[in-house]
Amino acid sequence: MSDYKNKKSLVIYFSKAGENYGVGYVEKGNTEYIAEYVKDFVGADLFKVEPQVSYPKDYDACTEEAKRRIGKAPIKEAIPDISKYEVIYIMSPIYWGTYAPELETALKDVDFTGKTIRIVTTHEGSGLGNVPDDVKRICKGANVLDDSIAIQGSECKNAKSKIENWI
């Protein structure tokens, strides 16, 4: 097992405030809590992928909008140069069986050659969905580890020790 605490790391994540399934209205998205825990444990830098146009706060409206954005989800800012990082953490809630559409937009043109990738999803019953396979498909050249972890959204605020054990 590798010592991830001593590797230069970046967390690339998508997280949405507003109404979340099984949690209600939140000021900060569930995945953002997890990103911050990883930052605390490994000293990672954070990059939040943000949609060019915000999602509706209402859960049902958000999921319908996410469905429309699959394959065409513009983002505010591209991922910065990742050449100095050894480990990349990719995190997202599950939208329609995989990561948020904006995450695919962010990842698709990045060169991940030689990078180690670890995956976290947040969900209310979907587990990892297709995220590990989709990350392997889109992050060409990366070593995508098989130690992915799925955390139920309603447990994210209290998942710090779970993340510490996973690290």
N, C-alpha and C. Protein backbone atom coordinates (compact mmCIF):
# COMPACT_ATOMS: atom_id res chain seq x y z
N MET A 1 0.83 -1.18 0.00
CA MET A 1 0.00 0.00 0.00
C MET A 1 0.88 1.25 0.00
N SER A 2 0.45 2.22 -0.72
CA SER A 2 1.23 3.45 -0.87
C SER A 2 0.95 4.42 0.27
N ASP A 3 1.89 5.31 0.51
CA ASP A 3 1.72 6.35 1.52
C ASP A 3 1.21 7.61 0.82
N TYR A 4 -0.09 7.78 0.77
CA TYR A 4 -0.68 8.90 0.05
C TYR A 4 -0.52 10.23 0.77
N LYS A 5 -0.17 10.18 2.04
CA LYS A 5 0.00 11.42 2.79
C LYS A 5 1.25 12.18 2.37
N ASN A 6 2.19 11.51 1.73
CA ASN A 6 3.45 12.14 1.34
C ASN A 6 3.58 12.33 -0.17
N LYS A 7 2.47 12.34 -0.86
CA LYS A 7 2.50 12.54 -2.31
C LYS A 7 1.76 13.82 -2.65
N LYS A 8 2.29 14.55 -3.60
CA LYS A 8 1.64 15.79 -4.04
C LYS A 8 0.31 15.42 -4.69
N SER A 9 -0.78 15.93 -4.12
CA SER A 9 -2.11 15.50 -4.52
C SER A 9 -3.02 16.67 -4.90
N LEU A 10 -3.95 16.36 -5.79
CA LEU A 10 -4.97 17.30 -6.22
C LEU A 10 -6.32 16.61 -6.15
N VAL A 11 -7.29 17.29 -5.58
CA VAL A 11 -8.67 16.80 -5.58
C VAL A 11 -9.43 17.59 -6.65
N ILE A 12 -9.97 16.87 -7.61
CA ILE A 12 -10.83 17.46 -8.63
C ILE A 12 -12.23 16.98 -8.29
N TYR A 13 -13.13 17.91 -8.01
CA TYR A 13 -14.44 17.48 -7.56
C TYR A 13 -15.56 18.38 -8.07
N PHE A 14 -16.75 17.80 -8.09
CA PHE A 14 -17.99 18.51 -8.38
C PHE A 14 -18.88 18.33 -7.17
N SER A 15 -19.52 19.40 -6.73
CA SER A 15 -20.42 19.33 -5.59
C SER A 15 -21.47 20.40 -5.75
N LYS A 16 -22.69 20.10 -5.34
CA LYS A 16 -23.80 21.04 -5.52
C LYS A 16 -24.55 21.27 -4.23
N ALA A 17 -24.69 22.54 -3.89
CA ALA A 17 -25.54 22.92 -2.76
C ALA A 17 -26.99 22.96 -3.26
N GLY A 18 -27.91 23.23 -2.37
CA GLY A 18 -29.32 23.22 -2.74
C GLY A 18 -29.97 21.97 -2.19
N GLU A 19 -31.04 21.52 -2.83
CA GLU A 19 -31.74 20.32 -2.36
C GLU A 19 -31.02 19.07 -2.85
N ASN A 20 -30.63 18.22 -1.93
CA ASN A 20 -30.01 16.94 -2.25
C ASN A 20 -30.91 15.82 -1.77
N TYR A 21 -31.00 14.78 -2.56
CA TYR A 21 -31.87 13.65 -2.24
C TYR A 21 -31.47 13.03 -0.90
N GLY A 22 -32.44 12.83 -0.05
CA GLY A 22 -32.20 12.17 1.23
C GLY A 22 -31.55 13.05 2.28
N VAL A 23 -31.19 14.28 1.92
CA VAL A 23 -30.50 15.16 2.85
C VAL A 23 -31.31 16.44 3.08
N GLY A 24 -32.01 16.88 2.06
CA GLY A 24 -32.73 18.15 2.12
C GLY A 24 -31.85 19.26 1.58
N TYR A 25 -32.16 20.50 1.94
CA TYR A 25 -31.41 21.66 1.45
C TYR A 25 -30.11 21.81 2.23
N VAL A 26 -29.03 21.99 1.50
CA VAL A 26 -27.71 22.14 2.11
C VAL A 26 -27.02 23.38 1.55
N GLU A 27 -26.26 24.03 2.39
CA GLU A 27 -25.51 25.21 1.97
C GLU A 27 -24.24 24.82 1.21
N LYS A 28 -23.74 23.63 1.51
CA LYS A 28 -22.53 23.12 0.87
C LYS A 28 -22.84 21.69 0.44
N GLY A 29 -22.44 21.34 -0.78
CA GLY A 29 -22.71 20.01 -1.29
C GLY A 29 -21.98 18.92 -0.52
N ASN A 30 -22.56 17.72 -0.53
CA ASN A 30 -21.98 16.59 0.19
C ASN A 30 -20.56 16.26 -0.24
N THR A 31 -20.31 16.29 -1.54
CA THR A 31 -18.98 15.93 -2.04
C THR A 31 -17.92 16.91 -1.58
N GLU A 32 -18.31 18.16 -1.37
CA GLU A 32 -17.35 19.16 -0.91
C GLU A 32 -16.82 18.82 0.49
N TYR A 33 -17.66 18.27 1.34
CA TYR A 33 -17.18 17.83 2.66
C TYR A 33 -16.08 16.79 2.49
N ILE A 34 -16.31 15.83 1.61
CA ILE A 34 -15.34 14.75 1.41
C ILE A 34 -14.04 15.31 0.83
N ALA A 35 -14.14 16.23 -0.13
CA ALA A 35 -12.95 16.86 -0.70
C ALA A 35 -12.13 17.55 0.38
N GLU A 36 -12.81 18.24 1.27
CA GLU A 36 -12.11 18.94 2.36
C GLU A 36 -11.44 17.96 3.32
N TYR A 37 -12.07 16.82 3.58
CA TYR A 37 -11.45 15.81 4.44
C TYR A 37 -10.15 15.30 3.81
N VAL A 38 -10.19 14.99 2.52
CA VAL A 38 -8.98 14.51 1.84
C VAL A 38 -7.91 15.60 1.90
N LYS A 39 -8.30 16.84 1.67
CA LYS A 39 -7.33 17.95 1.77
C LYS A 39 -6.67 17.95 3.14
N ASP A 40 -7.46 17.79 4.19
CA ASP A 40 -6.93 17.78 5.55
C ASP A 40 -5.95 16.63 5.78
N PHE A 41 -6.27 15.45 5.26
CA PHE A 41 -5.45 14.27 5.54
C PHE A 41 -4.19 14.16 4.71
N VAL A 42 -4.22 14.64 3.45
CA VAL A 42 -3.04 14.48 2.60
C VAL A 42 -2.44 15.81 2.15
N GLY A 43 -3.03 16.92 2.57
CA GLY A 43 -2.51 18.21 2.16
C GLY A 43 -2.76 18.52 0.69
N ALA A 44 -3.79 17.95 0.14
CA ALA A 44 -4.09 18.11 -1.29
C ALA A 44 -4.55 19.53 -1.61
N ASP A 45 -4.29 19.92 -2.84
CA ASP A 45 -4.89 21.12 -3.40
C ASP A 45 -6.28 20.75 -3.87
N LEU A 46 -7.18 21.73 -3.90
CA LEU A 46 -8.56 21.48 -4.33
C LEU A 46 -8.86 22.23 -5.63
N PHE A 47 -9.57 21.57 -6.53
CA PHE A 47 -10.11 22.23 -7.72
C PHE A 47 -11.57 21.83 -7.84
N LYS A 48 -12.44 22.81 -7.66
CA LYS A 48 -13.88 22.56 -7.76
C LYS A 48 -14.33 22.85 -9.19
N VAL A 49 -14.89 21.85 -9.83
CA VAL A 49 -15.45 22.01 -11.16
C VAL A 49 -16.82 22.65 -10.99
N GLU A 50 -17.00 23.80 -11.65
CA GLU A 50 -18.26 24.52 -11.51
C GLU A 50 -18.93 24.69 -12.87
N PRO A 51 -20.24 24.48 -12.91
CA PRO A 51 -20.95 24.65 -14.18
C PRO A 51 -20.98 26.11 -14.61
N GLN A 52 -20.97 26.31 -15.90
CA GLN A 52 -21.07 27.67 -16.41
C GLN A 52 -22.41 28.29 -16.02
N VAL A 53 -23.44 27.46 -16.02
CA VAL A 53 -24.77 27.88 -15.59
C VAL A 53 -25.14 27.01 -14.39
N SER A 54 -25.46 27.65 -13.28
CA SER A 54 -25.78 26.91 -12.06
C SER A 54 -27.00 26.00 -12.26
N TYR A 55 -27.00 24.92 -11.51
CA TYR A 55 -28.16 24.03 -11.51
C TYR A 55 -29.28 24.64 -10.67
N PRO A 56 -30.52 24.25 -10.96
CA PRO A 56 -31.62 24.66 -10.07
C PRO A 56 -31.39 24.09 -8.67
N LYS A 57 -31.84 24.78 -7.65
CA LYS A 57 -31.70 24.28 -6.28
C LYS A 57 -32.61 23.09 -6.01
N ASP A 58 -33.75 23.03 -6.65
CA ASP A 58 -34.71 21.94 -6.50
C ASP A 58 -34.12 20.63 -7.04
N TYR A 59 -34.22 19.56 -6.26
CA TYR A 59 -33.61 18.28 -6.62
C TYR A 59 -34.12 17.73 -7.95
N ASP A 60 -35.45 17.63 -8.11
CA ASP A 60 -36.00 17.04 -9.34
C ASP A 60 -35.62 17.87 -10.57
N ALA A 61 -35.71 19.19 -10.45
CA ALA A 61 -35.33 20.05 -11.57
C ALA A 61 -33.84 19.90 -11.89
N CYS A 62 -33.02 19.75 -10.86
CA CYS A 62 -31.59 19.57 -11.03
C CYS A 62 -31.29 18.28 -11.79
N THR A 63 -31.93 17.18 -11.40
CA THR A 63 -31.63 15.91 -12.06
C THR A 63 -32.07 15.93 -13.51
N GLU A 64 -33.18 16.57 -13.81
CA GLU A 64 -33.62 16.68 -15.21
C GLU A 64 -32.65 17.54 -16.00
N GLU A 65 -32.17 18.61 -15.42
CA GLU A 65 -31.19 19.46 -16.09
C GLU A 65 -29.88 18.71 -16.30
N ALA A 66 -29.46 17.93 -15.32
CA ALA A 66 -28.23 17.14 -15.45
C ALA A 66 -28.36 16.16 -16.62
N LYS A 67 -29.51 15.58 -16.78
CA LYS A 67 -29.74 14.64 -17.89
C LYS A 67 -29.57 15.36 -19.24
N ARG A 68 -30.06 16.59 -19.33
CA ARG A 68 -29.93 17.36 -20.57
C ARG A 68 -28.48 17.76 -20.85
N ARG A 69 -27.68 17.87 -19.80
CA ARG A 69 -26.29 18.32 -19.96
C ARG A 69 -25.31 17.21 -20.30
N ILE A 70 -25.73 15.96 -20.25
CA ILE A 70 -24.82 14.85 -20.55
C ILE A 70 -24.21 15.06 -21.93
N GLY A 71 -22.88 15.06 -21.99
CA GLY A 71 -22.17 15.24 -23.25
C GLY A 71 -21.98 16.68 -23.69
N LYS A 72 -22.59 17.61 -22.97
CA LYS A 72 -22.47 19.03 -23.34
C LYS A 72 -22.70 19.91 -22.12
N ALA A 73 -21.77 19.86 -21.21
CA ALA A 73 -21.91 20.60 -19.95
C ALA A 73 -20.75 21.59 -19.81
N PRO A 74 -20.94 22.83 -20.25
CA PRO A 74 -19.85 23.81 -20.14
C PRO A 74 -19.52 24.12 -18.69
N ILE A 75 -18.24 24.42 -18.46
CA ILE A 75 -17.76 24.72 -17.12
C ILE A 75 -17.14 26.12 -17.09
N LYS A 76 -17.06 26.69 -15.88
CA LYS A 76 -16.51 28.04 -15.71
C LYS A 76 -15.02 28.10 -16.00
N GLU A 77 -14.29 27.06 -15.60
CA GLU A 77 -12.83 27.11 -15.66
C GLU A 77 -12.27 25.72 -15.89
N ALA A 78 -11.24 25.64 -16.75
CA ALA A 78 -10.58 24.35 -17.02
C ALA A 78 -9.69 23.97 -15.85
N ILE A 79 -9.43 22.69 -15.73
CA ILE A 79 -8.52 22.17 -14.71
C ILE A 79 -7.12 22.76 -14.98
N PRO A 80 -6.46 23.26 -13.94
CA PRO A 80 -5.10 23.81 -14.15
C PRO A 80 -4.10 22.69 -14.46
N ASP A 81 -2.90 23.08 -14.80
CA ASP A 81 -1.83 22.13 -15.10
C ASP A 81 -1.66 21.14 -13.94
N ILE A 82 -1.69 19.86 -14.26
CA ILE A 82 -1.59 18.83 -13.21
C ILE A 82 -0.21 18.16 -13.17
N SER A 83 0.74 18.68 -13.92
CA SER A 83 2.04 18.01 -14.04
C SER A 83 2.77 17.82 -12.71
N LYS A 84 2.53 18.70 -11.74
CA LYS A 84 3.27 18.59 -10.46
C LYS A 84 2.63 17.60 -9.49
N TYR A 85 1.49 17.03 -9.84
CA TYR A 85 0.77 16.13 -8.93
C TYR A 85 1.06 14.67 -9.25
N GLU A 86 1.17 13.86 -8.19
CA GLU A 86 1.34 12.42 -8.33
C GLU A 86 0.00 11.70 -8.24
N VAL A 87 -0.84 12.17 -7.33
CA VAL A 87 -2.12 11.51 -7.07
C VAL A 87 -3.25 12.51 -7.34
N ILE A 88 -4.24 12.06 -8.08
CA ILE A 88 -5.42 12.87 -8.38
C ILE A 88 -6.63 12.15 -7.78
N TYR A 89 -7.36 12.85 -6.95
CA TYR A 89 -8.61 12.34 -6.39
C TYR A 89 -9.74 12.92 -7.23
N ILE A 90 -10.58 12.07 -7.76
CA ILE A 90 -11.72 12.52 -8.55
C ILE A 90 -12.97 12.19 -7.75
N MET A 91 -13.81 13.23 -7.53
CA MET A 91 -14.99 13.07 -6.67
C MET A 91 -16.21 13.70 -7.30
N SER A 92 -17.33 12.99 -7.14
CA SER A 92 -18.58 13.51 -7.70
C SER A 92 -19.77 12.80 -7.07
N PRO A 93 -20.91 13.52 -7.02
CA PRO A 93 -22.15 12.81 -6.73
C PRO A 93 -22.50 11.96 -7.96
N ILE A 94 -23.34 10.99 -7.77
CA ILE A 94 -23.81 10.17 -8.89
C ILE A 94 -24.99 10.88 -9.55
N TYR A 95 -24.85 11.15 -10.83
CA TYR A 95 -25.92 11.72 -11.67
C TYR A 95 -26.16 10.74 -12.80
N TRP A 96 -27.33 10.20 -12.88
CA TRP A 96 -27.70 9.28 -13.97
C TRP A 96 -26.69 8.16 -14.14
N GLY A 97 -26.25 7.59 -13.05
CA GLY A 97 -25.39 6.41 -13.09
C GLY A 97 -23.90 6.68 -13.17
N THR A 98 -23.49 7.94 -13.23
CA THR A 98 -22.07 8.25 -13.32
C THR A 98 -21.79 9.61 -12.68
N TYR A 99 -20.63 10.18 -12.97
CA TYR A 99 -20.28 11.48 -12.39
C TYR A 99 -21.10 12.59 -13.04
N ALA A 100 -21.08 13.76 -12.43
CA ALA A 100 -21.78 14.92 -12.96
C ALA A 100 -21.24 15.23 -14.36
N PRO A 101 -22.10 15.63 -15.29
CA PRO A 101 -21.66 15.91 -16.66
C PRO A 101 -20.51 16.92 -16.73
N GLU A 102 -20.49 17.89 -15.85
CA GLU A 102 -19.42 18.88 -15.85
C GLU A 102 -18.06 18.27 -15.56
N LEU A 103 -18.05 17.20 -14.80
CA LEU A 103 -16.78 16.54 -14.51
C LEU A 103 -16.19 15.93 -15.78
N GLU A 104 -17.03 15.34 -16.60
CA GLU A 104 -16.53 14.79 -17.87
C GLU A 104 -15.96 15.91 -18.74
N THR A 105 -16.65 17.04 -18.81
CA THR A 105 -16.14 18.17 -19.58
C THR A 105 -14.76 18.57 -19.06
N ALA A 106 -14.60 18.62 -17.76
CA ALA A 106 -13.34 19.04 -17.15
C ALA A 106 -12.21 18.05 -17.41
N LEU A 107 -12.51 16.76 -17.39
CA LEU A 107 -11.48 15.72 -17.47
C LEU A 107 -11.06 15.36 -18.89
N LYS A 108 -11.94 15.54 -19.86
CA LYS A 108 -11.74 14.93 -21.18
C LYS A 108 -10.49 15.38 -21.94
N ASP A 109 -9.99 16.55 -21.70
CA ASP A 109 -8.83 17.03 -22.46
C ASP A 109 -7.55 17.11 -21.63
N VAL A 110 -7.55 16.50 -20.46
CA VAL A 110 -6.38 16.54 -19.58
C VAL A 110 -5.52 15.30 -19.82
N ASP A 111 -4.21 15.48 -19.83
CA ASP A 111 -3.28 14.36 -19.98
C ASP A 111 -2.97 13.79 -18.60
N PHE A 112 -3.47 12.59 -18.34
CA PHE A 112 -3.29 11.95 -17.04
C PHE A 112 -2.17 10.91 -17.05
N THR A 113 -1.35 10.91 -18.07
CA THR A 113 -0.28 9.93 -18.19
C THR A 113 0.59 9.92 -16.93
N GLY A 114 0.73 8.73 -16.35
CA GLY A 114 1.58 8.55 -15.17
C GLY A 114 0.97 8.96 -13.85
N LYS A 115 -0.25 9.45 -13.85
CA LYS A 115 -0.91 9.88 -12.61
C LYS A 115 -1.64 8.70 -11.97
N THR A 116 -1.68 8.69 -10.65
CA THR A 116 -2.49 7.73 -9.90
C THR A 116 -3.81 8.41 -9.59
N ILE A 117 -4.91 7.72 -9.86
CA ILE A 117 -6.23 8.29 -9.61
C ILE A 117 -6.97 7.44 -8.59
N ARG A 118 -7.56 8.14 -7.62
CA ARG A 118 -8.42 7.51 -6.62
C ARG A 118 -9.79 8.18 -6.72
N ILE A 119 -10.84 7.40 -6.58
CA ILE A 119 -12.21 7.88 -6.84
C ILE A 119 -13.06 7.82 -5.58
N VAL A 120 -13.87 8.88 -5.40
CA VAL A 120 -14.89 8.91 -4.35
C VAL A 120 -16.19 9.36 -5.00
N THR A 121 -17.28 8.67 -4.68
CA THR A 121 -18.60 9.13 -5.09
C THR A 121 -19.45 9.37 -3.85
N THR A 122 -20.42 10.27 -4.01
CA THR A 122 -21.44 10.45 -2.99
C THR A 122 -22.77 10.10 -3.64
N HIS A 123 -23.67 9.53 -2.86
CA HIS A 123 -24.89 8.97 -3.45
C HIS A 123 -25.94 8.75 -2.37
N GLU A 124 -27.11 8.40 -2.80
CA GLU A 124 -28.16 7.97 -1.87
C GLU A 124 -28.72 6.62 -2.30
N GLY A 125 -27.84 5.75 -2.76
CA GLY A 125 -28.25 4.41 -3.13
C GLY A 125 -27.59 3.88 -4.38
N SER A 126 -26.87 4.73 -5.09
CA SER A 126 -26.25 4.32 -6.36
C SER A 126 -24.82 3.80 -6.21
N GLY A 127 -24.26 3.89 -5.04
CA GLY A 127 -22.89 3.42 -4.83
C GLY A 127 -21.91 4.15 -5.73
N LEU A 128 -21.06 3.39 -6.39
CA LEU A 128 -20.07 3.96 -7.30
C LEU A 128 -20.65 4.21 -8.68
N GLY A 129 -21.81 3.62 -8.97
CA GLY A 129 -22.36 3.74 -10.32
C GLY A 129 -21.34 3.24 -11.33
N ASN A 130 -21.27 3.90 -12.48
CA ASN A 130 -20.30 3.56 -13.52
C ASN A 130 -19.03 4.42 -13.45
N VAL A 131 -18.88 5.16 -12.37
CA VAL A 131 -17.78 6.12 -12.29
C VAL A 131 -16.41 5.48 -12.49
N PRO A 132 -16.04 4.38 -11.82
CA PRO A 132 -14.70 3.83 -12.05
C PRO A 132 -14.44 3.50 -13.52
N ASP A 133 -15.38 2.87 -14.19
CA ASP A 133 -15.18 2.55 -15.61
C ASP A 133 -15.12 3.80 -16.46
N ASP A 134 -15.95 4.79 -16.15
CA ASP A 134 -15.94 6.03 -16.92
C ASP A 134 -14.66 6.82 -16.71
N VAL A 135 -14.13 6.82 -15.49
CA VAL A 135 -12.86 7.49 -15.23
C VAL A 135 -11.73 6.78 -15.98
N LYS A 136 -11.73 5.46 -15.97
CA LYS A 136 -10.70 4.71 -16.71
C LYS A 136 -10.78 5.03 -18.20
N ARG A 137 -11.98 5.20 -18.72
CA ARG A 137 -12.17 5.51 -20.14
C ARG A 137 -11.66 6.91 -20.49
N ILE A 138 -11.96 7.88 -19.65
CA ILE A 138 -11.67 9.27 -20.01
C ILE A 138 -10.29 9.75 -19.57
N CYS A 139 -9.72 9.16 -18.54
CA CYS A 139 -8.42 9.61 -18.01
C CYS A 139 -7.31 8.73 -18.57
N LYS A 140 -7.07 8.90 -19.83
CA LYS A 140 -6.10 8.06 -20.54
C LYS A 140 -4.70 8.19 -19.96
N GLY A 141 -4.03 7.04 -19.82
CA GLY A 141 -2.67 7.01 -19.32
C GLY A 141 -2.55 6.96 -17.82
N ALA A 142 -3.69 7.08 -17.12
CA ALA A 142 -3.66 7.08 -15.66
C ALA A 142 -3.70 5.67 -15.09
N ASN A 143 -3.20 5.54 -13.88
CA ASN A 143 -3.35 4.32 -13.11
C ASN A 143 -4.53 4.55 -12.17
N VAL A 144 -5.71 4.09 -12.58
CA VAL A 144 -6.92 4.28 -11.78
C VAL A 144 -7.00 3.11 -10.79
N LEU A 145 -6.86 3.44 -9.52
CA LEU A 145 -6.84 2.40 -8.50
C LEU A 145 -8.22 1.77 -8.31
N ASP A 146 -8.21 0.52 -7.88
CA ASP A 146 -9.45 -0.21 -7.64
C ASP A 146 -9.94 -0.08 -6.20
N ASP A 147 -9.52 0.98 -5.52
CA ASP A 147 -9.92 1.15 -4.12
C ASP A 147 -10.98 2.25 -3.96
N SER A 148 -11.78 2.46 -5.01
CA SER A 148 -12.80 3.52 -4.97
C SER A 148 -13.72 3.35 -3.77
N ILE A 149 -14.26 4.47 -3.33
CA ILE A 149 -15.13 4.45 -2.16
C ILE A 149 -16.39 5.27 -2.47
N ALA A 150 -17.52 4.75 -2.03
CA ALA A 150 -18.81 5.43 -2.19
C ALA A 150 -19.35 5.76 -0.81
N ILE A 151 -19.76 7.02 -0.64
CA ILE A 151 -20.27 7.46 0.66
C ILE A 151 -21.68 8.00 0.47
N GLN A 152 -22.57 7.48 1.27
CA GLN A 152 -23.95 7.95 1.21
C GLN A 152 -23.99 9.42 1.58
N GLY A 153 -24.69 10.22 0.75
CA GLY A 153 -24.74 11.66 0.94
C GLY A 153 -25.15 12.07 2.34
N SER A 154 -26.12 11.37 2.89
CA SER A 154 -26.60 11.71 4.23
C SER A 154 -25.56 11.44 5.31
N GLU A 155 -24.47 10.74 4.97
CA GLU A 155 -23.41 10.43 5.93
C GLU A 155 -22.15 11.27 5.72
N CYS A 156 -22.13 12.11 4.69
CA CYS A 156 -20.90 12.84 4.34
C CYS A 156 -20.36 13.72 5.45
N LYS A 157 -21.23 14.44 6.13
CA LYS A 157 -20.77 15.34 7.18
C LYS A 157 -20.06 14.59 8.30
N ASN A 158 -20.39 13.32 8.46
CA ASN A 158 -19.81 12.51 9.54
C ASN A 158 -18.88 11.42 9.02
N ALA A 159 -18.34 11.59 7.82
CA ALA A 159 -17.53 10.54 7.19
C ALA A 159 -16.03 10.78 7.31
N LYS A 160 -15.62 11.71 8.15
CA LYS A 160 -14.20 12.04 8.23
C LYS A 160 -13.34 10.83 8.60
N SER A 161 -13.77 10.05 9.57
CA SER A 161 -12.96 8.88 9.95
C SER A 161 -12.97 7.82 8.86
N LYS A 162 -14.06 7.70 8.14
CA LYS A 162 -14.13 6.75 7.02
C LYS A 162 -13.11 7.14 5.94
N ILE A 163 -13.02 8.43 5.66
CA ILE A 163 -12.05 8.91 4.68
C ILE A 163 -10.62 8.71 5.20
N GLU A 164 -10.41 8.99 6.47
CA GLU A 164 -9.07 8.80 7.04
C GLU A 164 -8.64 7.35 6.93
N ASN A 165 -9.53 6.42 7.21
CA ASN A 165 -9.21 4.99 7.09
C ASN A 165 -8.92 4.60 5.64
N TRP A 166 -9.64 5.19 4.71
CA TRP A 166 -9.46 4.91 3.28
C TRP A 166 -8.11 5.44 2.78
N ILE A 167 -7.74 6.62 3.28
CA ILE A 167 -6.46 7.24 2.86
C ILE A 167 -5.34 6.28 3.25
